[in-house]
Amino acid sequence: MKDKTIIIGISGASASGKSLLANTIVKELGSDQVVVISEDAYYKDRSDLPFEERAKINYDHPNAFDHDLLYDHLLQLREGHSIQIPTYNHSQHLREKETRTIGSHTIVVLEGILLFAETKLRDIMDIRIFMETALDICLIRRLKRDVKERGRSLDSVLQQYEETVRPMFLQFIEPSKRYADIIVPRGGGNRIAIDLIKAKMRELLGNQKPKKLS
């Protein structure tokens, strides 16, 4: 019987170091059995709306995500099937036509801001990790990222942070910390946390070796 796919969730504030932690662990683990999936890829497709309307959407609220599709994809991965992950364009606030195919991975590292706010997503995870980073540090990182990588203006990033990012963190993200198995302080560069999580992942990978028939 095929061993189940192990799902590790990493949540926390926007720009708290979730992606850095996930990608660092996978890179240093050096295993093609591990893949990273971002919750950002599952923003709802709102291409039916003009850009001006899409820009007004609260993208830090659970309703902005297609968590039903994400959950269905995780179930498919658990059953050994491949999936087509959406590609999301942050500067235009819509999904691209291209998708990303993944499958046959032993461990899925899922990272996103609102993963622990959804009961069914929490329940399907084997390990839940919460990134605890000071909000001023998160804001600085978000400014650098959104302006440089996502083509956003400084004013638009600050306005969004004040109107939705910080309020939604306080309403949804911070309270979800209580569901975490591990809380990682000081962001995605915490070497002790990285080494401990890598050790646990190696243990999980080792336990997935095919069993000999008696």
N, C-alpha and C. Protein backbone atom coordinates (compact mmCIF):
# COMPACT_ATOMS: atom_id res chain seq x y z
N MET A 1 0.85 -1.20 0.00
CA MET A 1 0.00 0.00 0.00
C MET A 1 0.88 1.25 0.00
N LYS A 2 0.50 2.23 -0.82
CA LYS A 2 1.31 3.44 -0.93
C LYS A 2 1.22 4.28 0.34
N ASP A 3 2.40 4.76 0.81
CA ASP A 3 2.40 5.64 1.97
C ASP A 3 1.75 6.97 1.58
N LYS A 4 1.09 7.57 2.54
CA LYS A 4 0.41 8.83 2.25
C LYS A 4 1.41 9.97 2.09
N THR A 5 1.00 10.99 1.35
CA THR A 5 1.80 12.20 1.22
C THR A 5 1.72 12.99 2.53
N ILE A 6 2.86 13.44 3.01
CA ILE A 6 2.93 14.21 4.25
C ILE A 6 2.80 15.69 3.92
N ILE A 7 1.91 16.39 4.61
CA ILE A 7 1.66 17.80 4.33
C ILE A 7 2.09 18.64 5.53
N ILE A 8 3.03 19.55 5.29
CA ILE A 8 3.55 20.44 6.33
C ILE A 8 3.10 21.86 6.01
N GLY A 9 2.37 22.50 6.92
CA GLY A 9 1.88 23.86 6.70
C GLY A 9 2.74 24.88 7.42
N ILE A 10 3.07 25.97 6.71
CA ILE A 10 3.81 27.08 7.30
C ILE A 10 2.97 28.34 7.13
N SER A 11 2.55 28.95 8.25
CA SER A 11 1.72 30.14 8.18
C SER A 11 2.37 31.28 8.98
N GLY A 12 1.74 32.45 8.90
CA GLY A 12 2.27 33.62 9.58
C GLY A 12 1.92 34.87 8.80
N ALA A 13 2.32 36.01 9.30
CA ALA A 13 2.01 37.28 8.65
C ALA A 13 2.63 37.37 7.27
N SER A 14 2.11 38.26 6.45
CA SER A 14 2.70 38.53 5.15
C SER A 14 4.14 39.00 5.33
N ALA A 15 5.07 38.41 4.58
CA ALA A 15 6.50 38.75 4.63
C ALA A 15 7.14 38.39 5.96
N SER A 16 6.60 37.37 6.64
CA SER A 16 7.18 36.94 7.92
C SER A 16 8.32 35.95 7.74
N GLY A 17 8.56 35.48 6.52
CA GLY A 17 9.65 34.54 6.26
C GLY A 17 9.17 33.14 5.91
N LYS A 18 7.90 32.99 5.59
CA LYS A 18 7.33 31.66 5.28
C LYS A 18 8.00 31.03 4.06
N SER A 19 8.06 31.80 2.97
CA SER A 19 8.65 31.28 1.73
C SER A 19 10.13 30.98 1.91
N LEU A 20 10.83 31.86 2.63
CA LEU A 20 12.26 31.66 2.87
C LEU A 20 12.48 30.37 3.64
N LEU A 21 11.70 30.16 4.69
CA LEU A 21 11.84 28.94 5.48
C LEU A 21 11.55 27.70 4.63
N ALA A 22 10.44 27.74 3.90
CA ALA A 22 10.05 26.59 3.08
C ALA A 22 11.10 26.26 2.04
N ASN A 23 11.54 27.25 1.31
CA ASN A 23 12.50 27.01 0.23
C ASN A 23 13.89 26.65 0.76
N THR A 24 14.27 27.23 1.89
CA THR A 24 15.57 26.89 2.49
C THR A 24 15.58 25.43 2.93
N ILE A 25 14.51 25.00 3.57
CA ILE A 25 14.43 23.62 4.04
C ILE A 25 14.50 22.64 2.87
N VAL A 26 13.71 22.91 1.83
CA VAL A 26 13.68 22.00 0.68
C VAL A 26 15.03 21.98 -0.04
N LYS A 27 15.64 23.17 -0.21
CA LYS A 27 16.94 23.25 -0.89
C LYS A 27 18.01 22.50 -0.12
N GLU A 28 18.04 22.70 1.19
CA GLU A 28 19.09 22.08 1.99
C GLU A 28 18.83 20.60 2.21
N LEU A 29 17.57 20.22 2.16
CA LEU A 29 17.25 18.80 2.30
C LEU A 29 17.72 18.03 1.08
N GLY A 30 17.71 18.71 -0.07
CA GLY A 30 18.23 18.10 -1.29
C GLY A 30 17.47 16.88 -1.74
N SER A 31 16.14 16.94 -1.67
CA SER A 31 15.34 15.78 -2.04
C SER A 31 14.29 16.15 -3.06
N ASP A 32 14.18 15.36 -4.13
CA ASP A 32 13.14 15.61 -5.12
C ASP A 32 11.80 15.04 -4.65
N GLN A 33 11.79 14.52 -3.43
CA GLN A 33 10.55 14.02 -2.85
C GLN A 33 9.75 15.11 -2.16
N VAL A 34 10.33 16.33 -2.10
CA VAL A 34 9.70 17.43 -1.38
C VAL A 34 9.38 18.55 -2.36
N VAL A 35 8.17 19.17 -2.22
CA VAL A 35 7.77 20.27 -3.09
C VAL A 35 7.10 21.35 -2.26
N VAL A 36 7.23 22.61 -2.69
CA VAL A 36 6.61 23.74 -2.01
C VAL A 36 5.40 24.21 -2.82
N ILE A 37 4.28 24.43 -2.14
CA ILE A 37 3.09 25.01 -2.75
C ILE A 37 2.74 26.28 -1.98
N SER A 38 2.50 27.38 -2.71
CA SER A 38 2.13 28.65 -2.07
C SER A 38 0.62 28.85 -2.11
N GLU A 39 0.07 29.27 -0.98
CA GLU A 39 -1.35 29.60 -0.92
C GLU A 39 -1.70 30.72 -1.90
N ASP A 40 -0.74 31.60 -2.19
CA ASP A 40 -0.97 32.71 -3.11
C ASP A 40 -1.45 32.24 -4.48
N ALA A 41 -1.03 31.05 -4.88
CA ALA A 41 -1.43 30.53 -6.19
C ALA A 41 -2.94 30.30 -6.26
N TYR A 42 -3.58 30.22 -5.11
CA TYR A 42 -5.00 29.89 -5.05
C TYR A 42 -5.90 31.09 -4.77
N TYR A 43 -5.41 32.30 -5.06
CA TYR A 43 -6.32 33.44 -5.05
C TYR A 43 -7.41 33.18 -6.09
N LYS A 44 -8.63 33.55 -5.77
CA LYS A 44 -9.75 33.32 -6.69
C LYS A 44 -9.52 34.06 -8.00
N ASP A 45 -9.95 33.45 -9.09
CA ASP A 45 -9.83 34.06 -10.40
C ASP A 45 -10.93 35.12 -10.56
N ARG A 46 -10.54 36.39 -10.55
CA ARG A 46 -11.51 37.48 -10.69
C ARG A 46 -11.29 38.23 -12.00
N SER A 47 -10.95 37.50 -13.04
CA SER A 47 -10.72 38.12 -14.34
C SER A 47 -12.00 38.69 -14.95
N ASP A 48 -13.14 38.36 -14.33
CA ASP A 48 -14.42 38.91 -14.80
C ASP A 48 -14.58 40.38 -14.41
N LEU A 49 -13.71 40.86 -13.50
CA LEU A 49 -13.80 42.24 -13.04
C LEU A 49 -12.73 43.10 -13.71
N PRO A 50 -13.01 44.39 -13.93
CA PRO A 50 -11.97 45.29 -14.44
C PRO A 50 -10.87 45.47 -13.41
N PHE A 51 -9.70 45.90 -13.87
CA PHE A 51 -8.54 46.02 -12.98
C PHE A 51 -8.84 46.90 -11.78
N GLU A 52 -9.55 48.00 -11.98
CA GLU A 52 -9.84 48.93 -10.89
C GLU A 52 -10.62 48.24 -9.77
N GLU A 53 -11.54 47.34 -10.14
CA GLU A 53 -12.32 46.61 -9.15
C GLU A 53 -11.48 45.53 -8.48
N ARG A 54 -10.66 44.86 -9.27
CA ARG A 54 -9.79 43.81 -8.70
C ARG A 54 -8.83 44.40 -7.67
N ALA A 55 -8.36 45.61 -7.93
CA ALA A 55 -7.39 46.25 -7.03
C ALA A 55 -8.01 46.60 -5.68
N LYS A 56 -9.34 46.69 -5.61
CA LYS A 56 -10.03 47.05 -4.37
C LYS A 56 -10.34 45.85 -3.48
N ILE A 57 -10.13 44.64 -3.98
CA ILE A 57 -10.47 43.43 -3.23
C ILE A 57 -9.55 43.29 -2.01
N ASN A 58 -10.10 42.82 -0.91
CA ASN A 58 -9.32 42.55 0.30
C ASN A 58 -8.65 41.19 0.14
N TYR A 59 -7.39 41.21 -0.26
CA TYR A 59 -6.66 39.97 -0.54
C TYR A 59 -6.09 39.32 0.71
N ASP A 60 -6.37 39.89 1.87
CA ASP A 60 -5.89 39.32 3.13
C ASP A 60 -7.02 38.69 3.93
N HIS A 61 -8.19 38.56 3.30
CA HIS A 61 -9.35 37.93 3.93
C HIS A 61 -9.47 36.50 3.40
N PRO A 62 -9.91 35.55 4.22
CA PRO A 62 -10.05 34.16 3.75
C PRO A 62 -10.90 34.02 2.49
N ASN A 63 -11.89 34.90 2.31
CA ASN A 63 -12.77 34.82 1.14
C ASN A 63 -12.06 35.12 -0.18
N ALA A 64 -10.84 35.68 -0.11
CA ALA A 64 -10.10 35.99 -1.33
C ALA A 64 -9.48 34.74 -1.95
N PHE A 65 -9.43 33.66 -1.18
CA PHE A 65 -8.76 32.44 -1.64
C PHE A 65 -9.77 31.36 -2.04
N ASP A 66 -9.36 30.56 -3.01
CA ASP A 66 -10.15 29.39 -3.39
C ASP A 66 -9.62 28.20 -2.58
N HIS A 67 -9.95 28.19 -1.30
CA HIS A 67 -9.46 27.14 -0.42
C HIS A 67 -10.09 25.79 -0.73
N ASP A 68 -11.27 25.80 -1.36
CA ASP A 68 -11.89 24.53 -1.76
C ASP A 68 -11.03 23.83 -2.80
N LEU A 69 -10.53 24.60 -3.77
CA LEU A 69 -9.66 24.02 -4.80
C LEU A 69 -8.35 23.54 -4.20
N LEU A 70 -7.77 24.33 -3.29
CA LEU A 70 -6.53 23.93 -2.62
C LEU A 70 -6.73 22.63 -1.86
N TYR A 71 -7.83 22.55 -1.11
CA TYR A 71 -8.12 21.34 -0.35
C TYR A 71 -8.29 20.14 -1.27
N ASP A 72 -9.01 20.32 -2.37
CA ASP A 72 -9.21 19.24 -3.33
C ASP A 72 -7.87 18.79 -3.91
N HIS A 73 -6.99 19.74 -4.20
CA HIS A 73 -5.67 19.39 -4.74
C HIS A 73 -4.85 18.61 -3.72
N LEU A 74 -4.93 18.99 -2.45
CA LEU A 74 -4.19 18.27 -1.42
C LEU A 74 -4.71 16.83 -1.28
N LEU A 75 -6.02 16.67 -1.39
CA LEU A 75 -6.59 15.32 -1.35
C LEU A 75 -6.09 14.49 -2.53
N GLN A 76 -6.03 15.10 -3.70
CA GLN A 76 -5.54 14.39 -4.89
C GLN A 76 -4.09 13.97 -4.71
N LEU A 77 -3.28 14.86 -4.15
CA LEU A 77 -1.87 14.52 -3.90
C LEU A 77 -1.77 13.37 -2.92
N ARG A 78 -2.63 13.38 -1.90
CA ARG A 78 -2.65 12.30 -0.92
C ARG A 78 -2.96 10.95 -1.58
N GLU A 79 -3.78 10.99 -2.64
CA GLU A 79 -4.17 9.77 -3.34
C GLU A 79 -3.20 9.37 -4.43
N GLY A 80 -2.09 10.15 -4.57
CA GLY A 80 -1.06 9.79 -5.53
C GLY A 80 -1.25 10.36 -6.91
N HIS A 81 -2.17 11.33 -7.05
CA HIS A 81 -2.42 11.92 -8.36
C HIS A 81 -1.60 13.20 -8.55
N SER A 82 -1.40 13.59 -9.80
CA SER A 82 -0.77 14.87 -10.12
C SER A 82 -1.84 15.95 -10.15
N ILE A 83 -1.43 17.20 -9.93
CA ILE A 83 -2.36 18.32 -9.95
C ILE A 83 -1.79 19.45 -10.80
N GLN A 84 -2.67 20.36 -11.20
CA GLN A 84 -2.28 21.56 -11.95
C GLN A 84 -2.47 22.78 -11.04
N ILE A 85 -1.38 23.31 -10.54
CA ILE A 85 -1.44 24.47 -9.64
C ILE A 85 -1.60 25.76 -10.46
N PRO A 86 -2.54 26.61 -10.09
CA PRO A 86 -2.69 27.88 -10.81
C PRO A 86 -1.45 28.76 -10.69
N THR A 87 -1.30 29.67 -11.65
CA THR A 87 -0.25 30.68 -11.60
C THR A 87 -0.92 32.04 -11.44
N TYR A 88 -0.56 32.76 -10.39
CA TYR A 88 -1.24 34.02 -10.08
C TYR A 88 -0.34 35.21 -10.37
N ASN A 89 -0.91 36.22 -11.03
CA ASN A 89 -0.20 37.45 -11.36
C ASN A 89 -0.57 38.52 -10.33
N HIS A 90 0.35 38.83 -9.43
CA HIS A 90 0.06 39.76 -8.34
C HIS A 90 -0.09 41.20 -8.83
N SER A 91 0.63 41.58 -9.85
CA SER A 91 0.54 42.97 -10.31
C SER A 91 -0.77 43.25 -11.02
N GLN A 92 -1.34 42.22 -11.67
CA GLN A 92 -2.61 42.39 -12.38
C GLN A 92 -3.80 41.82 -11.59
N HIS A 93 -3.54 41.15 -10.50
CA HIS A 93 -4.59 40.57 -9.66
C HIS A 93 -5.47 39.58 -10.43
N LEU A 94 -4.82 38.65 -11.15
CA LEU A 94 -5.59 37.62 -11.85
C LEU A 94 -4.73 36.39 -12.10
N ARG A 95 -5.40 35.29 -12.46
CA ARG A 95 -4.69 34.05 -12.78
C ARG A 95 -4.20 34.07 -14.22
N GLU A 96 -3.02 33.49 -14.41
CA GLU A 96 -2.49 33.31 -15.76
C GLU A 96 -3.07 32.02 -16.35
N LYS A 97 -2.92 31.86 -17.66
CA LYS A 97 -3.40 30.63 -18.31
C LYS A 97 -2.50 29.44 -17.97
N GLU A 98 -1.22 29.73 -17.76
CA GLU A 98 -0.27 28.67 -17.47
C GLU A 98 -0.51 28.08 -16.08
N THR A 99 -0.26 26.79 -15.93
CA THR A 99 -0.33 26.11 -14.64
C THR A 99 0.97 25.36 -14.38
N ARG A 100 1.13 24.90 -13.16
CA ARG A 100 2.34 24.17 -12.77
C ARG A 100 1.94 22.76 -12.34
N THR A 101 2.53 21.77 -12.96
CA THR A 101 2.18 20.38 -12.67
C THR A 101 3.09 19.82 -11.60
N ILE A 102 2.50 19.24 -10.55
CA ILE A 102 3.29 18.55 -9.54
C ILE A 102 2.60 17.23 -9.19
N GLY A 103 3.38 16.31 -8.63
CA GLY A 103 2.83 15.03 -8.22
C GLY A 103 3.95 14.09 -7.83
N SER A 104 3.58 13.00 -7.18
CA SER A 104 4.54 11.96 -6.77
C SER A 104 5.58 12.47 -5.78
N HIS A 105 5.18 13.38 -4.91
CA HIS A 105 6.08 13.88 -3.87
C HIS A 105 5.68 13.28 -2.53
N THR A 106 6.69 12.95 -1.73
CA THR A 106 6.44 12.37 -0.41
C THR A 106 6.01 13.44 0.59
N ILE A 107 6.62 14.62 0.49
CA ILE A 107 6.30 15.71 1.41
C ILE A 107 5.89 16.96 0.62
N VAL A 108 4.77 17.55 1.00
CA VAL A 108 4.32 18.83 0.45
C VAL A 108 4.47 19.88 1.54
N VAL A 109 5.24 20.93 1.25
CA VAL A 109 5.38 22.06 2.17
C VAL A 109 4.47 23.17 1.66
N LEU A 110 3.42 23.44 2.41
CA LEU A 110 2.40 24.42 2.02
C LEU A 110 2.60 25.69 2.83
N GLU A 111 2.77 26.84 2.14
CA GLU A 111 2.99 28.08 2.87
C GLU A 111 1.98 29.14 2.47
N GLY A 112 1.48 29.91 3.48
CA GLY A 112 0.51 30.95 3.20
C GLY A 112 0.03 31.61 4.48
N ILE A 113 -0.61 32.77 4.32
CA ILE A 113 -0.98 33.58 5.48
C ILE A 113 -2.20 33.04 6.24
N LEU A 114 -3.12 32.38 5.54
CA LEU A 114 -4.40 32.02 6.16
C LEU A 114 -4.66 30.52 6.19
N LEU A 115 -3.62 29.74 6.13
CA LEU A 115 -3.78 28.29 6.09
C LEU A 115 -4.41 27.73 7.35
N PHE A 116 -4.07 28.32 8.51
CA PHE A 116 -4.57 27.78 9.77
C PHE A 116 -5.95 28.34 10.14
N ALA A 117 -6.43 29.31 9.34
CA ALA A 117 -7.74 29.89 9.61
C ALA A 117 -8.87 29.01 9.06
N GLU A 118 -8.51 28.02 8.24
CA GLU A 118 -9.49 27.11 7.64
C GLU A 118 -9.39 25.75 8.31
N THR A 119 -10.49 25.30 8.91
CA THR A 119 -10.47 24.03 9.66
C THR A 119 -10.05 22.85 8.80
N LYS A 120 -10.62 22.73 7.61
CA LYS A 120 -10.32 21.56 6.78
C LYS A 120 -8.86 21.55 6.32
N LEU A 121 -8.28 22.73 6.11
CA LEU A 121 -6.87 22.77 5.74
C LEU A 121 -5.99 22.40 6.93
N ARG A 122 -6.34 22.91 8.11
CA ARG A 122 -5.58 22.56 9.31
C ARG A 122 -5.60 21.05 9.54
N ASP A 123 -6.78 20.47 9.38
CA ASP A 123 -6.94 19.06 9.71
C ASP A 123 -6.20 18.13 8.77
N ILE A 124 -5.92 18.58 7.55
CA ILE A 124 -5.24 17.70 6.59
C ILE A 124 -3.72 17.78 6.74
N MET A 125 -3.24 18.75 7.54
CA MET A 125 -1.80 18.91 7.72
C MET A 125 -1.27 17.97 8.80
N ASP A 126 -0.07 17.46 8.58
CA ASP A 126 0.59 16.59 9.55
C ASP A 126 1.40 17.41 10.56
N ILE A 127 1.96 18.53 10.10
CA ILE A 127 2.73 19.42 10.97
C ILE A 127 2.34 20.86 10.62
N ARG A 128 2.11 21.68 11.64
CA ARG A 128 1.75 23.08 11.43
C ARG A 128 2.81 23.98 12.09
N ILE A 129 3.41 24.87 11.28
CA ILE A 129 4.47 25.75 11.73
C ILE A 129 4.03 27.20 11.56
N PHE A 130 4.20 28.01 12.60
CA PHE A 130 3.80 29.43 12.54
C PHE A 130 5.05 30.31 12.66
N MET A 131 5.19 31.25 11.71
CA MET A 131 6.31 32.18 11.72
C MET A 131 5.93 33.41 12.54
N GLU A 132 6.66 33.67 13.61
CA GLU A 132 6.38 34.82 14.47
C GLU A 132 7.46 35.86 14.27
N THR A 133 7.12 36.88 13.47
CA THR A 133 8.06 37.95 13.13
C THR A 133 7.42 39.29 13.44
N ALA A 134 8.18 40.22 13.99
CA ALA A 134 7.65 41.55 14.34
C ALA A 134 7.02 42.21 13.13
N LEU A 135 5.88 42.87 13.33
CA LEU A 135 5.14 43.45 12.20
C LEU A 135 5.91 44.55 11.49
N ASP A 136 6.75 45.30 12.21
CA ASP A 136 7.51 46.34 11.52
C ASP A 136 8.52 45.73 10.55
N ILE A 137 9.09 44.59 10.93
CA ILE A 137 10.01 43.89 10.03
C ILE A 137 9.24 43.37 8.81
N CYS A 138 8.04 42.84 9.05
CA CYS A 138 7.21 42.33 7.96
C CYS A 138 6.86 43.45 6.98
N LEU A 139 6.54 44.63 7.50
CA LEU A 139 6.19 45.75 6.64
C LEU A 139 7.36 46.16 5.75
N ILE A 140 8.55 46.25 6.34
CA ILE A 140 9.75 46.61 5.56
C ILE A 140 9.99 45.60 4.45
N ARG A 141 9.90 44.31 4.79
CA ARG A 141 10.10 43.26 3.79
C ARG A 141 9.04 43.33 2.70
N ARG A 142 7.77 43.57 3.10
CA ARG A 142 6.68 43.64 2.12
C ARG A 142 6.88 44.82 1.17
N LEU A 143 7.30 45.94 1.69
CA LEU A 143 7.56 47.10 0.85
C LEU A 143 8.60 46.78 -0.22
N LYS A 144 9.71 46.19 0.21
CA LYS A 144 10.78 45.86 -0.73
C LYS A 144 10.30 44.86 -1.77
N ARG A 145 9.56 43.84 -1.33
CA ARG A 145 9.11 42.79 -2.24
C ARG A 145 8.08 43.29 -3.24
N ASP A 146 7.05 43.99 -2.74
CA ASP A 146 5.95 44.38 -3.62
C ASP A 146 6.35 45.44 -4.63
N VAL A 147 7.23 46.35 -4.23
CA VAL A 147 7.69 47.39 -5.14
C VAL A 147 8.63 46.81 -6.19
N LYS A 148 9.56 45.96 -5.75
CA LYS A 148 10.58 45.43 -6.65
C LYS A 148 10.07 44.27 -7.50
N GLU A 149 9.35 43.33 -6.88
CA GLU A 149 8.99 42.10 -7.57
C GLU A 149 7.58 42.11 -8.16
N ARG A 150 6.69 42.94 -7.62
CA ARG A 150 5.29 42.88 -8.04
C ARG A 150 4.81 44.16 -8.70
N GLY A 151 5.74 45.10 -8.96
CA GLY A 151 5.40 46.30 -9.70
C GLY A 151 4.44 47.24 -9.01
N ARG A 152 4.41 47.20 -7.68
CA ARG A 152 3.48 48.04 -6.93
C ARG A 152 4.15 49.38 -6.58
N SER A 153 3.32 50.41 -6.38
CA SER A 153 3.85 51.70 -5.93
C SER A 153 3.96 51.69 -4.41
N LEU A 154 4.84 52.54 -3.90
CA LEU A 154 5.04 52.63 -2.45
C LEU A 154 3.74 53.02 -1.75
N ASP A 155 3.02 53.99 -2.31
CA ASP A 155 1.78 54.45 -1.69
C ASP A 155 0.72 53.35 -1.66
N SER A 156 0.62 52.58 -2.73
CA SER A 156 -0.40 51.53 -2.77
C SER A 156 -0.10 50.43 -1.76
N VAL A 157 1.18 50.11 -1.57
CA VAL A 157 1.56 49.08 -0.60
C VAL A 157 1.24 49.54 0.82
N LEU A 158 1.57 50.80 1.12
CA LEU A 158 1.30 51.33 2.46
C LEU A 158 -0.19 51.44 2.73
N GLN A 159 -0.95 51.86 1.72
CA GLN A 159 -2.40 51.97 1.88
C GLN A 159 -3.03 50.60 2.13
N GLN A 160 -2.60 49.61 1.35
CA GLN A 160 -3.13 48.26 1.53
C GLN A 160 -2.76 47.71 2.89
N TYR A 161 -1.54 47.98 3.33
CA TYR A 161 -1.10 47.48 4.63
C TYR A 161 -1.96 48.04 5.75
N GLU A 162 -2.23 49.35 5.67
CA GLU A 162 -3.01 50.02 6.71
C GLU A 162 -4.48 49.59 6.69
N GLU A 163 -5.04 49.42 5.49
CA GLU A 163 -6.48 49.17 5.37
C GLU A 163 -6.85 47.70 5.53
N THR A 164 -6.00 46.79 5.06
CA THR A 164 -6.37 45.37 5.10
C THR A 164 -5.32 44.44 5.70
N VAL A 165 -4.05 44.63 5.37
CA VAL A 165 -3.03 43.66 5.78
C VAL A 165 -2.94 43.55 7.30
N ARG A 166 -2.73 44.68 7.97
CA ARG A 166 -2.60 44.65 9.43
C ARG A 166 -3.92 44.27 10.12
N PRO A 167 -5.06 44.86 9.72
CA PRO A 167 -6.32 44.45 10.37
C PRO A 167 -6.64 42.96 10.20
N MET A 168 -6.38 42.42 9.03
CA MET A 168 -6.67 41.00 8.79
C MET A 168 -5.70 40.10 9.55
N PHE A 169 -4.47 40.59 9.74
CA PHE A 169 -3.53 39.83 10.56
C PHE A 169 -4.07 39.70 11.98
N LEU A 170 -4.54 40.82 12.53
CA LEU A 170 -5.05 40.81 13.90
C LEU A 170 -6.34 40.00 14.02
N GLN A 171 -7.17 40.00 12.97
CA GLN A 171 -8.45 39.32 13.03
C GLN A 171 -8.36 37.82 12.75
N PHE A 172 -7.51 37.44 11.78
CA PHE A 172 -7.50 36.05 11.34
C PHE A 172 -6.17 35.31 11.56
N ILE A 173 -5.07 35.97 11.23
CA ILE A 173 -3.78 35.26 11.20
C ILE A 173 -3.21 35.04 12.59
N GLU A 174 -3.10 36.11 13.37
CA GLU A 174 -2.55 35.97 14.71
C GLU A 174 -3.34 34.98 15.58
N PRO A 175 -4.70 35.02 15.56
CA PRO A 175 -5.45 34.04 16.35
C PRO A 175 -5.22 32.59 15.92
N SER A 176 -4.86 32.40 14.64
CA SER A 176 -4.65 31.03 14.16
C SER A 176 -3.35 30.42 14.67
N LYS A 177 -2.52 31.24 15.31
CA LYS A 177 -1.24 30.75 15.85
C LYS A 177 -1.45 29.64 16.87
N ARG A 178 -2.60 29.66 17.54
CA ARG A 178 -2.85 28.66 18.58
C ARG A 178 -2.96 27.24 18.02
N TYR A 179 -3.13 27.12 16.71
CA TYR A 179 -3.23 25.79 16.10
C TYR A 179 -1.88 25.23 15.67
N ALA A 180 -0.82 26.01 15.85
CA ALA A 180 0.51 25.59 15.39
C ALA A 180 1.11 24.55 16.33
N ASP A 181 1.85 23.62 15.74
CA ASP A 181 2.63 22.66 16.52
C ASP A 181 3.99 23.25 16.90
N ILE A 182 4.50 24.11 16.02
CA ILE A 182 5.80 24.74 16.22
C ILE A 182 5.68 26.23 15.92
N ILE A 183 6.21 27.09 16.78
CA ILE A 183 6.26 28.53 16.53
C ILE A 183 7.72 28.93 16.34
N VAL A 184 8.01 29.55 15.20
CA VAL A 184 9.39 29.91 14.85
C VAL A 184 9.56 31.42 14.97
N PRO A 185 10.34 31.88 15.93
CA PRO A 185 10.60 33.33 16.06
C PRO A 185 11.75 33.76 15.13
N ARG A 186 11.82 35.06 14.89
CA ARG A 186 12.93 35.69 14.16
C ARG A 186 12.97 35.34 12.67
N GLY A 187 11.86 34.89 12.10
CA GLY A 187 11.80 34.75 10.65
C GLY A 187 12.41 33.48 10.09
N GLY A 188 12.46 33.46 8.73
CA GLY A 188 12.88 32.25 8.02
C GLY A 188 14.36 31.95 8.06
N GLY A 189 15.17 32.83 8.69
CA GLY A 189 16.60 32.58 8.80
C GLY A 189 17.00 31.96 10.12
N ASN A 190 16.04 31.51 10.91
CA ASN A 190 16.31 30.91 12.21
C ASN A 190 16.96 29.54 12.01
N ARG A 191 18.27 29.47 12.17
CA ARG A 191 19.01 28.26 11.84
C ARG A 191 18.62 27.08 12.73
N ILE A 192 18.40 27.32 14.00
CA ILE A 192 18.04 26.21 14.90
C ILE A 192 16.71 25.61 14.47
N ALA A 193 15.74 26.48 14.16
CA ALA A 193 14.44 26.00 13.71
C ALA A 193 14.56 25.24 12.39
N ILE A 194 15.34 25.78 11.46
CA ILE A 194 15.52 25.11 10.16
C ILE A 194 16.10 23.72 10.36
N ASP A 195 17.14 23.60 11.19
CA ASP A 195 17.79 22.31 11.39
C ASP A 195 16.85 21.31 12.08
N LEU A 196 16.05 21.79 13.02
CA LEU A 196 15.11 20.90 13.70
C LEU A 196 14.03 20.40 12.75
N ILE A 197 13.52 21.30 11.92
CA ILE A 197 12.47 20.92 10.97
C ILE A 197 13.04 19.99 9.90
N LYS A 198 14.25 20.27 9.44
CA LYS A 198 14.89 19.38 8.46
C LYS A 198 15.07 17.98 9.04
N ALA A 199 15.47 17.91 10.31
CA ALA A 199 15.66 16.61 10.95
C ALA A 199 14.34 15.84 10.99
N LYS A 200 13.26 16.53 11.31
CA LYS A 200 11.94 15.89 11.34
C LYS A 200 11.53 15.43 9.95
N MET A 201 11.81 16.23 8.94
CA MET A 201 11.46 15.86 7.57
C MET A 201 12.27 14.65 7.11
N ARG A 202 13.56 14.60 7.50
CA ARG A 202 14.38 13.44 7.15
C ARG A 202 13.81 12.18 7.80
N GLU A 203 13.33 12.34 9.04
CA GLU A 203 12.72 11.21 9.74
C GLU A 203 11.47 10.74 9.00
N LEU A 204 10.65 11.70 8.57
CA LEU A 204 9.42 11.36 7.84
C LEU A 204 9.76 10.70 6.51
N LEU A 205 10.77 11.21 5.81
CA LEU A 205 11.18 10.60 4.54
C LEU A 205 11.70 9.19 4.76
N GLY A 206 12.44 9.01 5.84
CA GLY A 206 12.98 7.68 6.13
C GLY A 206 11.88 6.68 6.42
N ASN A 207 10.83 7.14 7.07
CA ASN A 207 9.72 6.26 7.40
C ASN A 207 8.87 5.89 6.19
N GLN A 208 9.11 6.56 5.06
CA GLN A 208 8.31 6.30 3.87
C GLN A 208 8.95 5.29 2.94
N LYS A 209 10.06 4.68 3.36
CA LYS A 209 10.72 3.69 2.52
C LYS A 209 9.82 2.46 2.37
N PRO A 210 9.80 1.88 1.17
CA PRO A 210 8.95 0.72 0.92
C PRO A 210 9.25 -0.40 1.91
N LYS A 211 8.19 -1.03 2.40
CA LYS A 211 8.36 -2.13 3.34
C LYS A 211 8.56 -3.45 2.62
N LYS A 212 9.42 -4.29 3.15
CA LYS A 212 9.66 -5.59 2.55
C LYS A 212 8.52 -6.54 2.87
N LEU A 213 8.18 -7.35 1.88
CA LEU A 213 7.13 -8.33 2.08
C LEU A 213 7.66 -9.50 2.92
N SER A 214 6.85 -9.98 3.85
CA SER A 214 7.29 -11.09 4.71
C SER A 214 7.01 -12.41 4.01
